[in-house]
Amino acid sequence: SYTPRNPYPTPSSYPTTPSLVFENPAIFEKLGTDALFFIFYYSQGTYQQYLAARELKKQSWRYHKKYMTWFQRHEEPKVTTEDYE
């Protein structure tokens, strides 16, 4: 069952669970870069974060684990191995 991370009292008209539309990977192809970054950073540890990261990677963005940020290349790497590109 879904438990909100920051449970605050909200009016009953507000949704209490995330929309099921965000379970569909095809939706992430239609989102802009800013929305994908928002989902990646504010939905940590979720399936939606994974889908956002996958879509960012498709758009030539790469996540740097040491600096914990996304970068985009100016050109493709000359050599690619398991350890580096």
PDB file of N, CA and C in Angstrom:
ATOM      1  N   SER A   1       0.829  -1.181   0.000  1.00  0.00           N
ATOM      2  CA  SER A   1       0.000   0.000   0.000  1.00  0.00           C
ATOM      3  C   SER A   1       0.877   1.248   0.000  1.00  0.00           C
ATOM      4  N   TYR A   2       0.374   2.293  -0.574  1.00  0.00           N
ATOM      5  CA  TYR A   2       1.120   3.540  -0.730  1.00  0.00           C
ATOM      6  C   TYR A   2       1.091   4.354   0.554  1.00  0.00           C
ATOM      7  N   THR A   3       2.269   4.816   0.980  1.00  0.00           N
ATOM      8  CA  THR A   3       2.379   5.704   2.140  1.00  0.00           C
ATOM      9  C   THR A   3       3.131   6.945   1.696  1.00  0.00           C
ATOM     10  N   PRO A   4       2.518   8.126   1.781  1.00  0.00           N
ATOM     11  CA  PRO A   4       3.222   9.326   1.347  1.00  0.00           C
ATOM     12  C   PRO A   4       4.457   9.590   2.192  1.00  0.00           C
ATOM     13  N   ARG A   5       5.503  10.131   1.566  1.00  0.00           N
ATOM     14  CA  ARG A   5       6.747  10.392   2.274  1.00  0.00           C
ATOM     15  C   ARG A   5       6.599  11.526   3.284  1.00  0.00           C
ATOM     16  N   ASN A   6       5.885  12.549   2.912  1.00  0.00           N
ATOM     17  CA  ASN A   6       5.661  13.699   3.790  1.00  0.00           C
ATOM     18  C   ASN A   6       4.162  13.858   4.012  1.00  0.00           C
ATOM     19  N   PRO A   7       3.595  13.047   4.872  1.00  0.00           N
ATOM     20  CA  PRO A   7       2.141  13.109   5.034  1.00  0.00           C
ATOM     21  C   PRO A   7       1.700  14.409   5.699  1.00  0.00           C
ATOM     22  N   TYR A   8       0.953  15.190   4.954  1.00  0.00           N
ATOM     23  CA  TYR A   8       0.372  16.424   5.464  1.00  0.00           C
ATOM     24  C   TYR A   8      -1.137  16.331   5.320  1.00  0.00           C
ATOM     25  N   PRO A   9      -1.853  16.940   6.226  1.00  0.00           N
ATOM     26  CA  PRO A   9      -3.309  16.928   6.061  1.00  0.00           C
ATOM     27  C   PRO A   9      -3.699  17.723   4.813  1.00  0.00           C
ATOM     28  N   THR A  10      -4.452  17.109   3.931  1.00  0.00           N
ATOM     29  CA  THR A  10      -4.906  17.771   2.717  1.00  0.00           C
ATOM     30  C   THR A  10      -6.408  17.596   2.579  1.00  0.00           C
ATOM     31  N   PRO A  11      -7.033  18.454   1.795  1.00  0.00           N
ATOM     32  CA  PRO A  11      -8.481  18.313   1.579  1.00  0.00           C
ATOM     33  C   PRO A  11      -8.800  16.964   0.930  1.00  0.00           C
ATOM     34  N   SER A  12      -9.990  16.484   1.151  1.00  0.00           N
ATOM     35  CA  SER A  12     -10.391  15.186   0.613  1.00  0.00           C
ATOM     36  C   SER A  12     -10.455  15.187  -0.906  1.00  0.00           C
ATOM     37  N   SER A  13     -10.499  16.361  -1.528  1.00  0.00           N
ATOM     38  CA  SER A  13     -10.544  16.425  -2.991  1.00  0.00           C
ATOM     39  C   SER A  13      -9.183  16.138  -3.622  1.00  0.00           C
ATOM     40  N   TYR A  14      -8.112  16.164  -2.839  1.00  0.00           N
ATOM     41  CA  TYR A  14      -6.771  15.879  -3.365  1.00  0.00           C
ATOM     42  C   TYR A  14      -6.602  14.367  -3.511  1.00  0.00           C
ATOM     43  N   PRO A  15      -5.847  13.939  -4.546  1.00  0.00           N
ATOM     44  CA  PRO A  15      -5.608  12.502  -4.689  1.00  0.00           C
ATOM     45  C   PRO A  15      -4.756  11.978  -3.536  1.00  0.00           C
ATOM     46  N   THR A  16      -5.027  10.763  -3.114  1.00  0.00           N
ATOM     47  CA  THR A  16      -4.272  10.175  -2.002  1.00  0.00           C
ATOM     48  C   THR A  16      -3.249   9.156  -2.480  1.00  0.00           C
ATOM     49  N   THR A  17      -3.313   8.796  -3.752  1.00  0.00           N
ATOM     50  CA  THR A  17      -2.341   7.864  -4.325  1.00  0.00           C
ATOM     51  C   THR A  17      -1.840   8.438  -5.646  1.00  0.00           C
ATOM     52  N   PRO A  18      -0.615   8.079  -6.053  1.00  0.00           N
ATOM     53  CA  PRO A  18      -0.107   8.552  -7.342  1.00  0.00           C
ATOM     54  C   PRO A  18      -0.953   8.021  -8.496  1.00  0.00           C
ATOM     55  N   SER A  19      -1.040   8.794  -9.536  1.00  0.00           N
ATOM     56  CA  SER A  19      -1.799   8.385 -10.716  1.00  0.00           C
ATOM     57  C   SER A  19      -1.144   7.175 -11.374  1.00  0.00           C
ATOM     58  N   LEU A  20      -1.947   6.228 -11.801  1.00  0.00           N
ATOM     59  CA  LEU A  20      -1.430   5.029 -12.455  1.00  0.00           C
ATOM     60  C   LEU A  20      -0.826   5.336 -13.822  1.00  0.00           C
ATOM     61  N   VAL A  21      -1.101   6.517 -14.360  1.00  0.00           N
ATOM     62  CA  VAL A  21      -0.540   6.882 -15.656  1.00  0.00           C
ATOM     63  C   VAL A  21       0.991   6.906 -15.601  1.00  0.00           C
ATOM     64  N   PHE A  22       1.560   7.173 -14.425  1.00  0.00           N
ATOM     65  CA  PHE A  22       3.008   7.231 -14.285  1.00  0.00           C
ATOM     66  C   PHE A  22       3.653   5.855 -14.108  1.00  0.00           C
ATOM     67  N   GLU A  23       2.869   4.806 -14.235  1.00  0.00           N
ATOM     68  CA  GLU A  23       3.405   3.451 -14.271  1.00  0.00           C
ATOM     69  C   GLU A  23       3.711   3.041 -15.708  1.00  0.00           C
ATOM     70  N   ASN A  24       3.251   3.834 -16.663  1.00  0.00           N
ATOM     71  CA  ASN A  24       3.400   3.524 -18.079  1.00  0.00           C
ATOM     72  C   ASN A  24       4.675   4.173 -18.630  1.00  0.00           C
ATOM     73  N   PRO A  25       5.660   3.377 -19.076  1.00  0.00           N
ATOM     74  CA  PRO A  25       6.910   3.951 -19.598  1.00  0.00           C
ATOM     75  C   PRO A  25       6.715   4.885 -20.793  1.00  0.00           C
ATOM     76  N   ALA A  26       5.667   4.685 -21.586  1.00  0.00           N
ATOM     77  CA  ALA A  26       5.436   5.519 -22.770  1.00  0.00           C
ATOM     78  C   ALA A  26       5.171   6.983 -22.392  1.00  0.00           C
ATOM     79  N   ILE A  27       4.627   7.220 -21.218  1.00  0.00           N
ATOM     80  CA  ILE A  27       4.357   8.589 -20.774  1.00  0.00           C
ATOM     81  C   ILE A  27       5.661   9.365 -20.635  1.00  0.00           C
ATOM     82  N   PHE A  28       6.711   8.708 -20.187  1.00  0.00           N
ATOM     83  CA  PHE A  28       7.980   9.385 -19.940  1.00  0.00           C
ATOM     84  C   PHE A  28       8.640   9.858 -21.234  1.00  0.00           C
ATOM     85  N   GLU A  29       8.313   9.220 -22.361  1.00  0.00           N
ATOM     86  CA  GLU A  29       8.835   9.661 -23.656  1.00  0.00           C
ATOM     87  C   GLU A  29       8.264  11.017 -24.054  1.00  0.00           C
ATOM     88  N   LYS A  30       7.104  11.367 -23.513  1.00  0.00           N
ATOM     89  CA  LYS A  30       6.431  12.612 -23.877  1.00  0.00           C
ATOM     90  C   LYS A  30       6.787  13.775 -22.954  1.00  0.00           C
ATOM     91  N   LEU A  31       7.435  13.482 -21.825  1.00  0.00           N
ATOM     92  CA  LEU A  31       7.760  14.531 -20.862  1.00  0.00           C
ATOM     93  C   LEU A  31       9.001  15.302 -21.295  1.00  0.00           C
ATOM     94  N   GLY A  32       9.047  16.573 -20.904  1.00  0.00           N
ATOM     95  CA  GLY A  32      10.208  17.400 -21.195  1.00  0.00           C
ATOM     96  C   GLY A  32      11.362  17.086 -20.255  1.00  0.00           C
ATOM     97  N   THR A  33      12.511  17.624 -20.594  1.00  0.00           N
ATOM     98  CA  THR A  33      13.714  17.375 -19.804  1.00  0.00           C
ATOM     99  C   THR A  33      13.556  17.849 -18.365  1.00  0.00           C
ATOM    100  N   ASP A  34      12.992  19.024 -18.163  1.00  0.00           N
ATOM    101  CA  ASP A  34      12.821  19.542 -16.802  1.00  0.00           C
ATOM    102  C   ASP A  34      11.946  18.624 -15.956  1.00  0.00           C
ATOM    103  N   ALA A  35      10.877  18.113 -16.546  1.00  0.00           N
ATOM    104  CA  ALA A  35       9.991  17.202 -15.807  1.00  0.00           C
ATOM    105  C   ALA A  35      10.715  15.906 -15.461  1.00  0.00           C
ATOM    106  N   LEU A  36      11.531  15.412 -16.390  1.00  0.00           N
ATOM    107  CA  LEU A  36      12.281  14.185 -16.129  1.00  0.00           C
ATOM    108  C   LEU A  36      13.284  14.380 -14.992  1.00  0.00           C
ATOM    109  N   PHE A  37      13.970  15.524 -14.985  1.00  0.00           N
ATOM    110  CA  PHE A  37      14.900  15.811 -13.893  1.00  0.00           C
ATOM    111  C   PHE A  37      14.156  15.934 -12.569  1.00  0.00           C
ATOM    112  N   PHE A  38      12.999  16.579 -12.571  1.00  0.00           N
ATOM    113  CA  PHE A  38      12.209  16.710 -11.347  1.00  0.00           C
ATOM    114  C   PHE A  38      11.837  15.335 -10.807  1.00  0.00           C
ATOM    115  N   ILE A  39      11.347  14.470 -11.684  1.00  0.00           N
ATOM    116  CA  ILE A  39      10.960  13.120 -11.258  1.00  0.00           C
ATOM    117  C   ILE A  39      12.171  12.361 -10.739  1.00  0.00           C
ATOM    118  N   PHE A  40      13.305  12.480 -11.431  1.00  0.00           N
ATOM    119  CA  PHE A  40      14.502  11.763 -11.008  1.00  0.00           C
ATOM    120  C   PHE A  40      14.928  12.166  -9.598  1.00  0.00           C
ATOM    121  N   TYR A  41      14.958  13.460  -9.316  1.00  0.00           N
ATOM    122  CA  TYR A  41      15.473  13.927  -8.030  1.00  0.00           C
ATOM    123  C   TYR A  41      14.440  13.893  -6.897  1.00  0.00           C
ATOM    124  N   TYR A  42      13.145  13.968  -7.220  1.00  0.00           N
ATOM    125  CA  TYR A  42      12.139  14.025  -6.163  1.00  0.00           C
ATOM    126  C   TYR A  42      11.344  12.746  -5.987  1.00  0.00           C
ATOM    127  N   SER A  43      11.674  11.717  -6.751  1.00  0.00           N
ATOM    128  CA  SER A  43      11.021  10.409  -6.591  1.00  0.00           C
ATOM    129  C   SER A  43      12.075   9.336  -6.392  1.00  0.00           C
ATOM    130  N   GLN A  44      13.008   9.595  -5.515  1.00  0.00           N
ATOM    131  CA  GLN A  44      14.140   8.686  -5.343  1.00  0.00           C
ATOM    132  C   GLN A  44      13.693   7.319  -4.844  1.00  0.00           C
ATOM    133  N   GLY A  45      14.301   6.298  -5.436  1.00  0.00           N
ATOM    134  CA  GLY A  45      14.021   4.927  -5.021  1.00  0.00           C
ATOM    135  C   GLY A  45      12.733   4.358  -5.561  1.00  0.00           C
ATOM    136  N   THR A  46      12.137   5.010  -6.561  1.00  0.00           N
ATOM    137  CA  THR A  46      10.873   4.535  -7.114  1.00  0.00           C
ATOM    138  C   THR A  46      11.048   4.063  -8.549  1.00  0.00           C
ATOM    139  N   TYR A  47      10.048   3.363  -9.025  1.00  0.00           N
ATOM    140  CA  TYR A  47      10.014   2.934 -10.421  1.00  0.00           C
ATOM    141  C   TYR A  47      10.000   4.150 -11.350  1.00  0.00           C
ATOM    142  N   GLN A  48       9.339   5.221 -10.926  1.00  0.00           N
ATOM    143  CA  GLN A  48       9.282   6.431 -11.735  1.00  0.00           C
ATOM    144  C   GLN A  48      10.673   7.056 -11.887  1.00  0.00           C
ATOM    145  N   GLN A  49      11.497   6.981 -10.845  1.00  0.00           N
ATOM    146  CA  GLN A  49      12.859   7.496 -10.960  1.00  0.00           C
ATOM    147  C   GLN A  49      13.625   6.686 -12.007  1.00  0.00           C
ATOM    148  N   TYR A  50      13.452   5.385 -11.982  1.00  0.00           N
ATOM    149  CA  TYR A  50      14.105   4.529 -12.966  1.00  0.00           C
ATOM    150  C   TYR A  50      13.655   4.894 -14.386  1.00  0.00           C
ATOM    151  N   LEU A  51      12.342   5.084 -14.581  1.00  0.00           N
ATOM    152  CA  LEU A  51      11.835   5.419 -15.906  1.00  0.00           C
ATOM    153  C   LEU A  51      12.348   6.777 -16.370  1.00  0.00           C
ATOM    154  N   ALA A  52      12.426   7.744 -15.459  1.00  0.00           N
ATOM    155  CA  ALA A  52      12.956   9.065 -15.809  1.00  0.00           C
ATOM    156  C   ALA A  52      14.427   8.965 -16.200  1.00  0.00           C
ATOM    157  N   ALA A  53      15.208   8.198 -15.439  1.00  0.00           N
ATOM    158  CA  ALA A  53      16.627   8.024 -15.751  1.00  0.00           C
ATOM    159  C   ALA A  53      16.798   7.331 -17.104  1.00  0.00           C
ATOM    160  N   ARG A  54      15.987   6.348 -17.370  1.00  0.00           N
ATOM    161  CA  ARG A  54      16.078   5.634 -18.645  1.00  0.00           C
ATOM    162  C   ARG A  54      15.778   6.569 -19.818  1.00  0.00           C
ATOM    163  N   GLU A  55      14.787   7.423 -19.639  1.00  0.00           N
ATOM    164  CA  GLU A  55      14.453   8.364 -20.715  1.00  0.00           C
ATOM    165  C   GLU A  55      15.530   9.430 -20.882  1.00  0.00           C
ATOM    166  N   LEU A  56      16.106   9.908 -19.784  1.00  0.00           N
ATOM    167  CA  LEU A  56      17.205  10.867 -19.883  1.00  0.00           C
ATOM    168  C   LEU A  56      18.395  10.245 -20.613  1.00  0.00           C
ATOM    169  N   LYS A  57      18.666   8.987 -20.340  1.00  0.00           N
ATOM    170  CA  LYS A  57      19.772   8.309 -21.022  1.00  0.00           C
ATOM    171  C   LYS A  57      19.501   8.198 -22.518  1.00  0.00           C
ATOM    172  N   LYS A  58      18.250   7.936 -22.886  1.00  0.00           N
ATOM    173  CA  LYS A  58      17.883   7.887 -24.308  1.00  0.00           C
ATOM    174  C   LYS A  58      18.145   9.228 -24.992  1.00  0.00           C
ATOM    175  N   GLN A  59      18.040  10.316 -24.218  1.00  0.00           N
ATOM    176  CA  GLN A  59      18.235  11.663 -24.757  1.00  0.00           C
ATOM    177  C   GLN A  59      19.694  12.115 -24.631  1.00  0.00           C
ATOM    178  N   SER A  60      20.603  11.157 -24.483  1.00  0.00           N
ATOM    179  CA  SER A  60      22.060  11.388 -24.432  1.00  0.00           C
ATOM    180  C   SER A  60      22.541  12.056 -23.145  1.00  0.00           C
ATOM    181  N   TRP A  61      21.775  11.974 -22.076  1.00  0.00           N
ATOM    182  CA  TRP A  61      22.245  12.454 -20.775  1.00  0.00           C
ATOM    183  C   TRP A  61      22.917  11.292 -20.060  1.00  0.00           C
ATOM    184  N   ARG A  62      23.946  11.569 -19.279  1.00  0.00           N
ATOM    185  CA  ARG A  62      24.644  10.550 -18.505  1.00  0.00           C
ATOM    186  C   ARG A  62      24.768  11.016 -17.074  1.00  0.00           C
ATOM    187  N   TYR A  63      24.538  10.089 -16.128  1.00  0.00           N
ATOM    188  CA  TYR A  63      24.616  10.407 -14.703  1.00  0.00           C
ATOM    189  C   TYR A  63      26.011  10.076 -14.188  1.00  0.00           C
ATOM    190  N   HIS A  64      26.629  11.030 -13.519  1.00  0.00           N
ATOM    191  CA  HIS A  64      27.965  10.834 -12.948  1.00  0.00           C
ATOM    192  C   HIS A  64      27.797  10.502 -11.470  1.00  0.00           C
ATOM    193  N   LYS A  65      28.164   9.285 -11.087  1.00  0.00           N
ATOM    194  CA  LYS A  65      27.944   8.831  -9.705  1.00  0.00           C
ATOM    195  C   LYS A  65      28.770   9.612  -8.693  1.00  0.00           C
ATOM    196  N   LYS A  66      29.986   9.969  -9.050  1.00  0.00           N
ATOM    197  CA  LYS A  66      30.842  10.699  -8.114  1.00  0.00           C
ATOM    198  C   LYS A  66      30.286  12.094  -7.841  1.00  0.00           C
ATOM    199  N   TYR A  67      29.885  12.807  -8.899  1.00  0.00           N
ATOM    200  CA  TYR A  67      29.392  14.179  -8.750  1.00  0.00           C
ATOM    201  C   TYR A  67      27.883  14.235  -8.533  1.00  0.00           C
ATOM    202  N   MET A  68      27.227  13.077  -8.675  1.00  0.00           N
ATOM    203  CA  MET A  68      25.786  12.951  -8.455  1.00  0.00           C
ATOM    204  C   MET A  68      24.990  13.995  -9.246  1.00  0.00           C
ATOM    205  N   THR A  69      25.314  14.103 -10.516  1.00  0.00           N
ATOM    206  CA  THR A  69      24.610  15.028 -11.403  1.00  0.00           C
ATOM    207  C   THR A  69      24.617  14.492 -12.831  1.00  0.00           C
ATOM    208  N   TRP A  70      23.802  15.079 -13.660  1.00  0.00           N
ATOM    209  CA  TRP A  70      23.675  14.669 -15.053  1.00  0.00           C
ATOM    210  C   TRP A  70      24.514  15.565 -15.944  1.00  0.00           C
ATOM    211  N   PHE A  71      25.107  14.957 -16.967  1.00  0.00           N
ATOM    212  CA  PHE A  71      25.880  15.686 -17.964  1.00  0.00           C
ATOM    213  C   PHE A  71      25.430  15.242 -19.348  1.00  0.00           C
ATOM    214  N   GLN A  72      25.642  16.129 -20.316  1.00  0.00           N
ATOM    215  CA  GLN A  72      25.368  15.757 -21.693  1.00  0.00           C
ATOM    216  C   GLN A  72      26.645  15.948 -22.505  1.00  0.00           C
ATOM    217  N   ARG A  73      26.970  14.958 -23.313  1.00  0.00           N
ATOM    218  CA  ARG A  73      28.208  14.985 -24.087  1.00  0.00           C
ATOM    219  C   ARG A  73      28.117  15.955 -25.259  1.00  0.00           C
ATOM    220  N   HIS A  74      29.293  16.461 -25.652  1.00  0.00           N
ATOM    221  CA  HIS A  74      29.377  17.253 -26.866  1.00  0.00           C
ATOM    222  C   HIS A  74      29.618  16.356 -28.069  1.00  0.00           C
ATOM    223  N   GLU A  75      30.279  15.212 -27.835  1.00  0.00           N
ATOM    224  CA  GLU A  75      30.521  14.234 -28.897  1.00  0.00           C
ATOM    225  C   GLU A  75      30.569  12.843 -28.277  1.00  0.00           C
ATOM    226  N   GLU A  76      30.406  11.830 -29.101  1.00  0.00           N
ATOM    227  CA  GLU A  76      30.438  10.446 -28.624  1.00  0.00           C
ATOM    228  C   GLU A  76      31.870  10.050 -28.239  1.00  0.00           C
ATOM    229  N   PRO A  77      32.034   9.155 -27.243  1.00  0.00           N
ATOM    230  CA  PRO A  77      33.378   8.744 -26.823  1.00  0.00           C
ATOM    231  C   PRO A  77      34.088   7.935 -27.911  1.00  0.00           C
ATOM    232  N   LYS A  78      35.401   8.047 -27.928  1.00  0.00           N
ATOM    233  CA  LYS A  78      36.212   7.300 -28.904  1.00  0.00           C
ATOM    234  C   LYS A  78      36.369   5.841 -28.478  1.00  0.00           C
ATOM    235  N   VAL A  79      36.483   5.605 -27.146  1.00  0.00           N
ATOM    236  CA  VAL A  79      36.677   4.259 -26.606  1.00  0.00           C
ATOM    237  C   VAL A  79      35.654   4.042 -25.501  1.00  0.00           C
ATOM    238  N   THR A  80      35.014   2.879 -25.502  1.00  0.00           N
ATOM    239  CA  THR A  80      34.041   2.535 -24.476  1.00  0.00           C
ATOM    240  C   THR A  80      34.394   1.171 -23.886  1.00  0.00           C
ATOM    241  N   THR A  81      34.524   1.103 -22.561  1.00  0.00           N
ATOM    242  CA  THR A  81      34.783  -0.169 -21.885  1.00  0.00           C
ATOM    243  C   THR A  81      33.786  -0.300 -20.746  1.00  0.00           C
ATOM    244  N   GLU A  82      33.899  -1.387 -19.981  1.00  0.00           N
ATOM    245  CA  GLU A  82      33.027  -1.581 -18.822  1.00  0.00           C
ATOM    246  C   GLU A  82      33.299  -0.544 -17.735  1.00  0.00           C
ATOM    247  N   ASP A  83      34.548  -0.039 -17.653  1.00  0.00           N
ATOM    248  CA  ASP A  83      34.949   0.869 -16.576  1.00  0.00           C
ATOM    249  C   ASP A  83      34.817   2.346 -16.930  1.00  0.00           C
ATOM    250  N   TYR A  84      34.919   2.679 -18.198  1.00  0.00           N
ATOM    251  CA  TYR A  84      34.841   4.088 -18.587  1.00  0.00           C
ATOM    252  C   TYR A  84      34.437   4.217 -20.043  1.00  0.00           C
ATOM    253  N   GLU A  85      34.112   5.463 -20.401  1.00  0.00           N
ATOM    254  CA  GLU A  85      33.793   5.766 -21.798  1.00  0.00           C
ATOM    255  C   GLU A  85      34.705   6.871 -22.272  1.00  0.00           C
TER     256      GLU A  85
END
